[in-house]
Amino acid sequence: MKNFVHDLLNEKMEKTIHVLKDDLHSIRAGRANPALLDHILLDYYGTSTPLKQMANISVPEARVLLIQPYDPTSISSIEKAILVSDLGLNPSNDSKVIRLTLPILTEERRKELAKSVKKVGEASKVALRNERREANDKLKKSQKAHEITEDELKSAEDEVQKMTDRYVAIIDDLIKQKEEEIMEV
């Protein structure tokens, strides 16, 4: 039972780390990254469709994103979706492609982005703690049902804590790396 709980917990914590990495990729640093546009959805024939399914996104220069729609008639809806997003970017198009030029980040904007990175990291840590609590509750229930002994419960809880500490350290490292990337001029 305790091995099952540990395996399940490990799997959930890995997913939390994966989600954190995806969230961090979508936060803008100094250079252009196609992942910035991952969360943009546009209305395409009445269906909410991710931008990355509608166009090829490339980085021809360090601070420029080039969007080539598969369907040229969708350029206006792609532009609208970018304008209403929280990216604060102004698209320019030549009726075939859309160019997004990323402005140089000010010191103030860098600090704001670093704060948002910390918030995302803290939310991930909260998720880990919730997963730890669920695992400990399952272990306690199995101990009450006499499936494991009290000593096994204690050692299993210690292992859950070690696992949690290990994943918290991974989150701290990812947050630190992203903050350094943002503050890099």
N, C-alpha and C. Protein backbone atom coordinates (compact mmCIF):
# COMPACT_ATOMS: atom_id res chain seq x y z
N MET A 1 0.83 -1.20 0.00
CA MET A 1 0.00 0.00 0.00
C MET A 1 0.87 1.26 0.00
N LYS A 2 1.89 1.28 0.87
CA LYS A 2 2.69 2.51 0.96
C LYS A 2 3.48 2.76 -0.31
N ASN A 3 3.94 1.68 -1.00
CA ASN A 3 4.65 1.86 -2.27
C ASN A 3 3.73 2.44 -3.33
N PHE A 4 2.48 1.99 -3.31
CA PHE A 4 1.48 2.52 -4.24
C PHE A 4 1.27 4.01 -4.00
N VAL A 5 1.16 4.41 -2.74
CA VAL A 5 0.97 5.81 -2.39
C VAL A 5 2.18 6.63 -2.83
N HIS A 6 3.38 6.11 -2.59
CA HIS A 6 4.59 6.83 -2.98
C HIS A 6 4.68 6.99 -4.50
N ASP A 7 4.35 5.92 -5.24
CA ASP A 7 4.40 5.99 -6.70
C ASP A 7 3.39 7.01 -7.23
N LEU A 8 2.20 6.99 -6.65
CA LEU A 8 1.15 7.93 -7.06
C LEU A 8 1.56 9.37 -6.74
N LEU A 9 2.13 9.56 -5.56
CA LEU A 9 2.59 10.89 -5.16
C LEU A 9 3.70 11.39 -6.08
N ASN A 10 4.64 10.51 -6.39
CA ASN A 10 5.74 10.87 -7.28
C ASN A 10 5.20 11.30 -8.65
N GLU A 11 4.23 10.55 -9.15
CA GLU A 11 3.63 10.87 -10.45
C GLU A 11 2.94 12.24 -10.41
N LYS A 12 2.18 12.51 -9.34
CA LYS A 12 1.49 13.79 -9.21
C LYS A 12 2.48 14.95 -9.10
N MET A 13 3.56 14.75 -8.36
CA MET A 13 4.55 15.80 -8.19
C MET A 13 5.29 16.07 -9.49
N GLU A 14 5.54 15.03 -10.27
CA GLU A 14 6.16 15.21 -11.59
C GLU A 14 5.26 16.05 -12.49
N LYS A 15 3.95 15.79 -12.42
CA LYS A 15 3.00 16.58 -13.23
C LYS A 15 3.01 18.04 -12.79
N THR A 16 3.11 18.28 -11.49
CA THR A 16 3.16 19.65 -10.98
C THR A 16 4.39 20.36 -11.53
N ILE A 17 5.53 19.69 -11.56
CA ILE A 17 6.76 20.27 -12.09
C ILE A 17 6.59 20.55 -13.59
N HIS A 18 5.96 19.63 -14.30
CA HIS A 18 5.74 19.81 -15.74
C HIS A 18 4.86 21.04 -16.01
N VAL A 19 3.80 21.19 -15.23
CA VAL A 19 2.91 22.36 -15.37
C VAL A 19 3.68 23.64 -15.06
N LEU A 20 4.50 23.61 -14.02
CA LEU A 20 5.31 24.78 -13.67
C LEU A 20 6.23 25.16 -14.83
N LYS A 21 6.89 24.18 -15.42
CA LYS A 21 7.79 24.47 -16.54
C LYS A 21 7.02 25.10 -17.70
N ASP A 22 5.84 24.59 -18.00
CA ASP A 22 5.02 25.17 -19.07
C ASP A 22 4.65 26.62 -18.74
N ASP A 23 4.26 26.85 -17.49
CA ASP A 23 3.90 28.21 -17.07
C ASP A 23 5.09 29.16 -17.18
N LEU A 24 6.26 28.69 -16.78
CA LEU A 24 7.45 29.53 -16.83
C LEU A 24 7.86 29.85 -18.27
N HIS A 25 7.65 28.89 -19.19
CA HIS A 25 7.99 29.15 -20.59
C HIS A 25 7.11 30.25 -21.18
N SER A 26 5.90 30.38 -20.67
CA SER A 26 5.00 31.38 -21.23
C SER A 26 5.20 32.77 -20.62
N ILE A 27 6.09 32.88 -19.64
CA ILE A 27 6.42 34.19 -19.06
C ILE A 27 7.60 34.75 -19.84
N ARG A 28 7.44 35.96 -20.27
CA ARG A 28 8.43 36.57 -21.16
C ARG A 28 9.73 36.91 -20.44
N ALA A 29 10.83 36.57 -21.07
CA ALA A 29 12.14 37.01 -20.58
C ALA A 29 12.67 38.00 -21.61
N GLY A 30 13.94 38.15 -21.71
CA GLY A 30 14.53 39.15 -22.59
C GLY A 30 14.39 38.88 -24.07
N ARG A 31 14.32 37.64 -24.49
CA ARG A 31 14.30 37.34 -25.92
C ARG A 31 12.98 36.69 -26.32
N ALA A 32 12.72 36.68 -27.61
CA ALA A 32 11.49 36.12 -28.16
C ALA A 32 11.48 34.61 -27.98
N ASN A 33 10.30 34.09 -27.66
CA ASN A 33 10.13 32.67 -27.46
C ASN A 33 8.72 32.31 -27.95
N PRO A 34 8.58 31.36 -28.89
CA PRO A 34 7.26 31.00 -29.39
C PRO A 34 6.28 30.55 -28.29
N ALA A 35 6.80 30.08 -27.17
CA ALA A 35 5.94 29.63 -26.07
C ALA A 35 5.14 30.79 -25.47
N LEU A 36 5.56 32.03 -25.73
CA LEU A 36 4.80 33.18 -25.25
C LEU A 36 3.38 33.16 -25.78
N LEU A 37 3.19 32.58 -26.95
CA LEU A 37 1.89 32.59 -27.61
C LEU A 37 1.08 31.32 -27.36
N ASP A 38 1.58 30.42 -26.52
CA ASP A 38 0.90 29.15 -26.28
C ASP A 38 -0.50 29.29 -25.71
N HIS A 39 -0.74 30.34 -24.93
CA HIS A 39 -2.03 30.48 -24.26
C HIS A 39 -3.03 31.32 -25.05
N ILE A 40 -2.65 31.73 -26.25
CA ILE A 40 -3.55 32.56 -27.05
C ILE A 40 -4.51 31.68 -27.83
N LEU A 41 -5.80 31.97 -27.64
CA LEU A 41 -6.86 31.26 -28.35
C LEU A 41 -7.55 32.25 -29.27
N LEU A 42 -7.97 31.78 -30.44
CA LEU A 42 -8.71 32.66 -31.33
C LEU A 42 -9.95 31.95 -31.83
N ASP A 43 -10.91 32.76 -32.25
CA ASP A 43 -12.16 32.23 -32.77
C ASP A 43 -11.97 31.90 -34.24
N TYR A 44 -12.05 30.63 -34.58
CA TYR A 44 -11.88 30.20 -35.96
C TYR A 44 -13.12 29.42 -36.37
N TYR A 45 -13.96 30.04 -37.17
CA TYR A 45 -15.22 29.46 -37.59
C TYR A 45 -16.05 28.99 -36.41
N GLY A 46 -16.11 29.84 -35.38
CA GLY A 46 -16.95 29.54 -34.22
C GLY A 46 -16.33 28.62 -33.19
N THR A 47 -15.09 28.20 -33.41
CA THR A 47 -14.42 27.30 -32.48
C THR A 47 -13.21 28.01 -31.88
N SER A 48 -13.06 27.88 -30.57
CA SER A 48 -11.90 28.46 -29.90
C SER A 48 -10.69 27.56 -30.18
N THR A 49 -9.71 28.09 -30.90
CA THR A 49 -8.58 27.29 -31.38
C THR A 49 -7.27 27.91 -30.91
N PRO A 50 -6.32 27.11 -30.41
CA PRO A 50 -5.01 27.65 -30.02
C PRO A 50 -4.27 28.19 -31.24
N LEU A 51 -3.57 29.29 -31.05
CA LEU A 51 -2.82 29.92 -32.13
C LEU A 51 -1.80 28.97 -32.74
N LYS A 52 -1.15 28.18 -31.90
CA LYS A 52 -0.10 27.30 -32.42
C LYS A 52 -0.64 26.22 -33.37
N GLN A 53 -1.98 25.99 -33.36
CA GLN A 53 -2.58 25.07 -34.32
C GLN A 53 -2.98 25.78 -35.61
N MET A 54 -2.95 27.10 -35.56
CA MET A 54 -3.41 27.90 -36.70
C MET A 54 -2.26 28.45 -37.54
N ALA A 55 -1.04 28.45 -36.98
CA ALA A 55 0.05 29.11 -37.67
C ALA A 55 1.40 28.53 -37.28
N ASN A 56 2.37 28.78 -38.14
CA ASN A 56 3.75 28.43 -37.85
C ASN A 56 4.38 29.65 -37.15
N ILE A 57 4.98 29.44 -36.00
CA ILE A 57 5.57 30.54 -35.24
C ILE A 57 7.08 30.33 -35.19
N SER A 58 7.82 31.34 -35.65
CA SER A 58 9.27 31.22 -35.66
C SER A 58 9.90 32.48 -35.06
N VAL A 59 11.22 32.39 -34.81
CA VAL A 59 11.97 33.50 -34.22
C VAL A 59 13.11 33.85 -35.18
N PRO A 60 12.84 34.77 -36.14
CA PRO A 60 13.90 35.13 -37.09
C PRO A 60 15.00 36.00 -36.48
N GLU A 61 14.66 36.77 -35.44
CA GLU A 61 15.63 37.61 -34.74
C GLU A 61 15.40 37.46 -33.25
N ALA A 62 16.32 37.96 -32.44
CA ALA A 62 16.26 37.77 -30.99
C ALA A 62 14.99 38.34 -30.35
N ARG A 63 14.47 39.44 -30.91
CA ARG A 63 13.30 40.06 -30.29
C ARG A 63 12.10 40.12 -31.22
N VAL A 64 12.03 39.22 -32.21
CA VAL A 64 10.92 39.22 -33.17
C VAL A 64 10.33 37.82 -33.28
N LEU A 65 9.00 37.77 -33.22
CA LEU A 65 8.27 36.53 -33.49
C LEU A 65 7.59 36.70 -34.84
N LEU A 66 7.69 35.69 -35.68
CA LEU A 66 7.06 35.70 -36.99
C LEU A 66 5.97 34.64 -37.01
N ILE A 67 4.75 35.08 -37.32
CA ILE A 67 3.60 34.17 -37.32
C ILE A 67 3.13 34.04 -38.77
N GLN A 68 3.18 32.80 -39.30
CA GLN A 68 2.70 32.53 -40.65
C GLN A 68 1.46 31.65 -40.55
N PRO A 69 0.28 32.25 -40.75
CA PRO A 69 -0.96 31.46 -40.65
C PRO A 69 -1.05 30.43 -41.79
N TYR A 70 -1.60 29.26 -41.47
CA TYR A 70 -1.81 28.24 -42.49
C TYR A 70 -2.92 28.70 -43.44
N ASP A 71 -3.89 29.43 -42.87
CA ASP A 71 -5.00 29.98 -43.64
C ASP A 71 -4.85 31.50 -43.64
N PRO A 72 -4.45 32.10 -44.74
CA PRO A 72 -4.22 33.55 -44.77
C PRO A 72 -5.44 34.39 -44.40
N THR A 73 -6.64 33.83 -44.53
CA THR A 73 -7.84 34.60 -44.18
C THR A 73 -7.99 34.76 -42.67
N SER A 74 -7.20 34.03 -41.90
CA SER A 74 -7.32 34.11 -40.44
C SER A 74 -6.41 35.18 -39.82
N ILE A 75 -5.70 35.94 -40.64
CA ILE A 75 -4.76 36.95 -40.12
C ILE A 75 -5.45 37.94 -39.19
N SER A 76 -6.62 38.43 -39.58
CA SER A 76 -7.29 39.45 -38.75
C SER A 76 -7.71 38.88 -37.40
N SER A 77 -8.20 37.63 -37.38
CA SER A 77 -8.59 37.06 -36.08
C SER A 77 -7.37 36.76 -35.21
N ILE A 78 -6.24 36.43 -35.83
CA ILE A 78 -5.01 36.21 -35.06
C ILE A 78 -4.56 37.54 -34.45
N GLU A 79 -4.61 38.60 -35.25
CA GLU A 79 -4.24 39.93 -34.73
C GLU A 79 -5.12 40.34 -33.56
N LYS A 80 -6.43 40.13 -33.70
CA LYS A 80 -7.36 40.48 -32.62
C LYS A 80 -7.04 39.70 -31.35
N ALA A 81 -6.77 38.40 -31.50
CA ALA A 81 -6.47 37.57 -30.33
C ALA A 81 -5.20 38.05 -29.62
N ILE A 82 -4.21 38.48 -30.38
CA ILE A 82 -2.96 38.97 -29.79
C ILE A 82 -3.21 40.30 -29.07
N LEU A 83 -4.01 41.15 -29.69
CA LEU A 83 -4.29 42.47 -29.09
C LEU A 83 -5.06 42.35 -27.78
N VAL A 84 -6.01 41.42 -27.69
CA VAL A 84 -6.79 41.29 -26.45
C VAL A 84 -6.09 40.46 -25.39
N SER A 85 -4.97 39.82 -25.76
CA SER A 85 -4.22 39.04 -24.77
C SER A 85 -3.52 40.00 -23.80
N ASP A 86 -2.99 39.44 -22.72
CA ASP A 86 -2.30 40.27 -21.72
C ASP A 86 -0.81 40.45 -22.03
N LEU A 87 -0.40 40.17 -23.27
CA LEU A 87 1.01 40.30 -23.63
C LEU A 87 1.44 41.74 -23.84
N GLY A 88 0.51 42.60 -24.22
CA GLY A 88 0.85 44.00 -24.46
C GLY A 88 1.70 44.20 -25.70
N LEU A 89 1.49 43.38 -26.72
CA LEU A 89 2.25 43.48 -27.96
C LEU A 89 1.36 43.97 -29.09
N ASN A 90 1.95 44.75 -30.00
CA ASN A 90 1.22 45.25 -31.16
C ASN A 90 1.67 44.51 -32.40
N PRO A 91 0.79 43.70 -32.98
CA PRO A 91 1.16 42.96 -34.18
C PRO A 91 1.16 43.86 -35.42
N SER A 92 2.04 43.56 -36.36
CA SER A 92 2.01 44.24 -37.65
C SER A 92 2.00 43.16 -38.72
N ASN A 93 1.17 43.35 -39.74
CA ASN A 93 1.08 42.31 -40.76
C ASN A 93 1.27 42.89 -42.15
N ASP A 94 1.69 42.02 -43.06
CA ASP A 94 1.83 42.41 -44.46
C ASP A 94 0.90 41.55 -45.33
N SER A 95 -0.21 41.15 -44.77
CA SER A 95 -1.26 40.32 -45.37
C SER A 95 -0.85 38.85 -45.60
N LYS A 96 0.40 38.50 -45.30
CA LYS A 96 0.83 37.11 -45.40
C LYS A 96 1.35 36.60 -44.06
N VAL A 97 2.08 37.45 -43.34
CA VAL A 97 2.65 37.08 -42.05
C VAL A 97 2.41 38.20 -41.05
N ILE A 98 2.50 37.84 -39.76
CA ILE A 98 2.38 38.81 -38.68
C ILE A 98 3.72 38.85 -37.96
N ARG A 99 4.20 40.06 -37.71
CA ARG A 99 5.44 40.23 -36.96
C ARG A 99 5.11 40.83 -35.60
N LEU A 100 5.70 40.24 -34.57
CA LEU A 100 5.58 40.78 -33.21
C LEU A 100 6.98 41.17 -32.76
N THR A 101 7.19 42.45 -32.56
CA THR A 101 8.49 42.91 -32.07
C THR A 101 8.36 43.13 -30.57
N LEU A 102 9.19 42.43 -29.83
CA LEU A 102 9.14 42.53 -28.37
C LEU A 102 9.99 43.71 -27.93
N PRO A 103 9.40 44.64 -27.20
CA PRO A 103 10.19 45.78 -26.73
C PRO A 103 11.20 45.34 -25.66
N ILE A 104 12.25 46.11 -25.51
CA ILE A 104 13.23 45.82 -24.47
C ILE A 104 12.56 46.04 -23.12
N LEU A 105 12.76 45.11 -22.22
CA LEU A 105 12.13 45.19 -20.90
C LEU A 105 12.78 46.27 -20.05
N THR A 106 11.95 47.08 -19.40
CA THR A 106 12.47 48.07 -18.47
C THR A 106 12.79 47.37 -17.15
N GLU A 107 13.54 48.04 -16.30
CA GLU A 107 13.89 47.47 -14.99
C GLU A 107 12.63 47.20 -14.18
N GLU A 108 11.67 48.12 -14.25
CA GLU A 108 10.41 47.97 -13.51
C GLU A 108 9.64 46.75 -14.00
N ARG A 109 9.57 46.58 -15.32
CA ARG A 109 8.85 45.44 -15.90
C ARG A 109 9.55 44.13 -15.55
N ARG A 110 10.86 44.14 -15.52
CA ARG A 110 11.61 42.94 -15.13
C ARG A 110 11.26 42.53 -13.70
N LYS A 111 11.16 43.52 -12.82
CA LYS A 111 10.82 43.23 -11.42
C LYS A 111 9.40 42.68 -11.31
N GLU A 112 8.48 43.24 -12.10
CA GLU A 112 7.10 42.73 -12.11
C GLU A 112 7.07 41.27 -12.57
N LEU A 113 7.81 40.98 -13.63
CA LEU A 113 7.86 39.61 -14.15
C LEU A 113 8.48 38.66 -13.13
N ALA A 114 9.51 39.12 -12.42
CA ALA A 114 10.14 38.29 -11.39
C ALA A 114 9.14 37.99 -10.27
N LYS A 115 8.32 38.98 -9.92
CA LYS A 115 7.28 38.76 -8.90
C LYS A 115 6.27 37.73 -9.38
N SER A 116 5.87 37.82 -10.64
CA SER A 116 4.89 36.86 -11.16
C SER A 116 5.49 35.46 -11.21
N VAL A 117 6.79 35.36 -11.47
CA VAL A 117 7.46 34.06 -11.45
C VAL A 117 7.41 33.47 -10.04
N LYS A 118 7.65 34.32 -9.04
CA LYS A 118 7.59 33.85 -7.65
C LYS A 118 6.19 33.37 -7.30
N LYS A 119 5.17 34.08 -7.78
CA LYS A 119 3.78 33.67 -7.52
C LYS A 119 3.48 32.31 -8.13
N VAL A 120 3.93 32.12 -9.36
CA VAL A 120 3.71 30.83 -10.03
C VAL A 120 4.43 29.72 -9.25
N GLY A 121 5.64 30.01 -8.79
CA GLY A 121 6.39 29.02 -8.01
C GLY A 121 5.71 28.70 -6.69
N GLU A 122 5.18 29.73 -6.04
CA GLU A 122 4.49 29.51 -4.76
C GLU A 122 3.22 28.68 -4.96
N ALA A 123 2.51 28.93 -6.05
CA ALA A 123 1.31 28.13 -6.36
C ALA A 123 1.68 26.67 -6.57
N SER A 124 2.82 26.42 -7.20
CA SER A 124 3.28 25.05 -7.40
C SER A 124 3.64 24.38 -6.07
N LYS A 125 4.25 25.15 -5.18
CA LYS A 125 4.59 24.60 -3.86
C LYS A 125 3.33 24.26 -3.08
N VAL A 126 2.30 25.11 -3.19
CA VAL A 126 1.03 24.82 -2.53
C VAL A 126 0.44 23.52 -3.07
N ALA A 127 0.53 23.34 -4.39
CA ALA A 127 0.03 22.10 -5.00
C ALA A 127 0.79 20.90 -4.45
N LEU A 128 2.11 21.03 -4.30
CA LEU A 128 2.90 19.93 -3.73
C LEU A 128 2.47 19.62 -2.30
N ARG A 129 2.24 20.66 -1.52
CA ARG A 129 1.83 20.44 -0.13
C ARG A 129 0.47 19.75 -0.06
N ASN A 130 -0.43 20.13 -0.96
CA ASN A 130 -1.74 19.47 -0.99
C ASN A 130 -1.59 17.99 -1.36
N GLU A 131 -0.71 17.70 -2.30
CA GLU A 131 -0.47 16.31 -2.69
C GLU A 131 0.15 15.53 -1.53
N ARG A 132 1.04 16.18 -0.78
CA ARG A 132 1.64 15.54 0.40
C ARG A 132 0.57 15.21 1.43
N ARG A 133 -0.33 16.17 1.67
CA ARG A 133 -1.40 15.96 2.66
C ARG A 133 -2.30 14.79 2.24
N GLU A 134 -2.65 14.74 0.94
CA GLU A 134 -3.48 13.64 0.45
C GLU A 134 -2.78 12.29 0.65
N ALA A 135 -1.51 12.23 0.36
CA ALA A 135 -0.75 10.98 0.50
C ALA A 135 -0.70 10.56 1.97
N ASN A 136 -0.45 11.52 2.86
CA ASN A 136 -0.41 11.20 4.29
C ASN A 136 -1.77 10.73 4.79
N ASP A 137 -2.85 11.34 4.28
CA ASP A 137 -4.20 10.91 4.67
C ASP A 137 -4.46 9.47 4.23
N LYS A 138 -4.03 9.13 3.01
CA LYS A 138 -4.20 7.75 2.53
C LYS A 138 -3.42 6.77 3.40
N LEU A 139 -2.21 7.17 3.78
CA LEU A 139 -1.39 6.29 4.62
C LEU A 139 -2.04 6.09 5.99
N LYS A 140 -2.58 7.16 6.57
CA LYS A 140 -3.24 7.06 7.87
C LYS A 140 -4.48 6.18 7.80
N LYS A 141 -5.23 6.29 6.72
CA LYS A 141 -6.42 5.44 6.55
C LYS A 141 -6.03 3.97 6.46
N SER A 142 -4.94 3.70 5.73
CA SER A 142 -4.52 2.30 5.61
C SER A 142 -3.98 1.78 6.94
N GLN A 143 -3.43 2.66 7.77
CA GLN A 143 -2.96 2.24 9.09
C GLN A 143 -4.16 1.95 9.99
N LYS A 144 -5.20 2.79 9.90
CA LYS A 144 -6.41 2.56 10.70
C LYS A 144 -7.12 1.27 10.27
N ALA A 145 -7.00 0.94 8.99
CA ALA A 145 -7.61 -0.29 8.48
C ALA A 145 -6.70 -1.50 8.73
N HIS A 146 -5.62 -1.27 9.47
CA HIS A 146 -4.66 -2.32 9.84
C HIS A 146 -3.98 -2.96 8.63
N GLU A 147 -3.81 -2.18 7.56
CA GLU A 147 -3.10 -2.67 6.39
C GLU A 147 -1.59 -2.47 6.56
N ILE A 148 -1.21 -1.45 7.33
CA ILE A 148 0.20 -1.23 7.65
C ILE A 148 0.32 -0.95 9.15
N THR A 149 1.52 -1.17 9.68
CA THR A 149 1.73 -0.94 11.12
C THR A 149 2.04 0.52 11.37
N GLU A 150 2.08 0.88 12.64
CA GLU A 150 2.38 2.26 13.01
C GLU A 150 3.81 2.64 12.60
N ASP A 151 4.74 1.70 12.75
CA ASP A 151 6.12 1.96 12.34
C ASP A 151 6.22 2.17 10.83
N GLU A 152 5.49 1.35 10.07
CA GLU A 152 5.48 1.52 8.62
C GLU A 152 4.87 2.86 8.23
N LEU A 153 3.83 3.28 8.98
CA LEU A 153 3.20 4.58 8.73
C LEU A 153 4.22 5.70 8.93
N LYS A 154 4.97 5.63 10.02
CA LYS A 154 5.95 6.67 10.33
C LYS A 154 7.04 6.74 9.24
N SER A 155 7.54 5.58 8.84
CA SER A 155 8.59 5.58 7.80
C SER A 155 8.02 6.04 6.45
N ALA A 156 6.79 5.68 6.17
CA ALA A 156 6.16 6.10 4.90
C ALA A 156 5.94 7.62 4.91
N GLU A 157 5.52 8.18 6.03
CA GLU A 157 5.33 9.63 6.13
C GLU A 157 6.67 10.36 5.99
N ASP A 158 7.72 9.79 6.57
CA ASP A 158 9.06 10.38 6.42
C ASP A 158 9.48 10.40 4.94
N GLU A 159 9.20 9.30 4.24
CA GLU A 159 9.53 9.21 2.82
C GLU A 159 8.73 10.24 2.01
N VAL A 160 7.46 10.44 2.36
CA VAL A 160 6.62 11.44 1.69
C VAL A 160 7.22 12.83 1.90
N GLN A 161 7.69 13.11 3.12
CA GLN A 161 8.28 14.42 3.41
C GLN A 161 9.58 14.63 2.62
N LYS A 162 10.40 13.58 2.55
CA LYS A 162 11.65 13.67 1.78
C LYS A 162 11.35 13.94 0.31
N MET A 163 10.34 13.26 -0.22
CA MET A 163 9.94 13.44 -1.61
C MET A 163 9.47 14.89 -1.84
N THR A 164 8.66 15.39 -0.91
CA THR A 164 8.16 16.76 -1.01
C THR A 164 9.31 17.75 -0.98
N ASP A 165 10.25 17.56 -0.06
CA ASP A 165 11.41 18.46 0.04
C ASP A 165 12.22 18.46 -1.25
N ARG A 166 12.37 17.28 -1.85
CA ARG A 166 13.14 17.17 -3.08
C ARG A 166 12.46 17.97 -4.21
N TYR A 167 11.14 17.85 -4.32
CA TYR A 167 10.43 18.57 -5.38
C TYR A 167 10.36 20.07 -5.10
N VAL A 168 10.28 20.47 -3.84
CA VAL A 168 10.32 21.90 -3.50
C VAL A 168 11.65 22.49 -3.93
N ALA A 169 12.73 21.74 -3.73
CA ALA A 169 14.06 22.20 -4.14
C ALA A 169 14.13 22.36 -5.67
N ILE A 170 13.48 21.45 -6.40
CA ILE A 170 13.45 21.55 -7.86
C ILE A 170 12.71 22.82 -8.26
N ILE A 171 11.58 23.10 -7.61
CA ILE A 171 10.81 24.32 -7.90
C ILE A 171 11.66 25.55 -7.61
N ASP A 172 12.34 25.56 -6.47
CA ASP A 172 13.19 26.71 -6.13
C ASP A 172 14.26 26.94 -7.20
N ASP A 173 14.85 25.87 -7.69
CA ASP A 173 15.88 25.99 -8.74
C ASP A 173 15.29 26.56 -10.03
N LEU A 174 14.11 26.05 -10.43
CA LEU A 174 13.48 26.54 -11.65
C LEU A 174 13.13 28.02 -11.55
N ILE A 175 12.63 28.42 -10.38
CA ILE A 175 12.25 29.82 -10.16
C ILE A 175 13.49 30.70 -10.21
N LYS A 176 14.56 30.25 -9.56
CA LYS A 176 15.80 31.03 -9.55
C LYS A 176 16.35 31.20 -10.96
N GLN A 177 16.34 30.14 -11.74
CA GLN A 177 16.83 30.20 -13.12
C GLN A 177 16.01 31.19 -13.95
N LYS A 178 14.69 31.13 -13.80
CA LYS A 178 13.82 32.02 -14.58
C LYS A 178 14.01 33.47 -14.17
N GLU A 179 14.17 33.73 -12.86
CA GLU A 179 14.40 35.09 -12.38
C GLU A 179 15.72 35.63 -12.95
N GLU A 180 16.76 34.80 -12.97
CA GLU A 180 18.04 35.24 -13.52
C GLU A 180 17.90 35.55 -15.01
N GLU A 181 17.14 34.71 -15.71
CA GLU A 181 16.91 34.92 -17.15
C GLU A 181 16.18 36.24 -17.39
N ILE A 182 15.20 36.56 -16.53
CA ILE A 182 14.43 37.80 -16.67
C ILE A 182 15.29 39.01 -16.35
N MET A 183 16.09 38.94 -15.32
CA MET A 183 16.88 40.09 -14.88
C MET A 183 18.13 40.33 -15.76
N GLU A 184 18.46 39.34 -16.60
CA GLU A 184 19.60 39.47 -17.50
C GLU A 184 19.32 40.54 -18.54
N VAL A 185 20.24 41.47 -18.68
CA VAL A 185 20.04 42.59 -19.63
C VAL A 185 20.72 42.29 -20.95
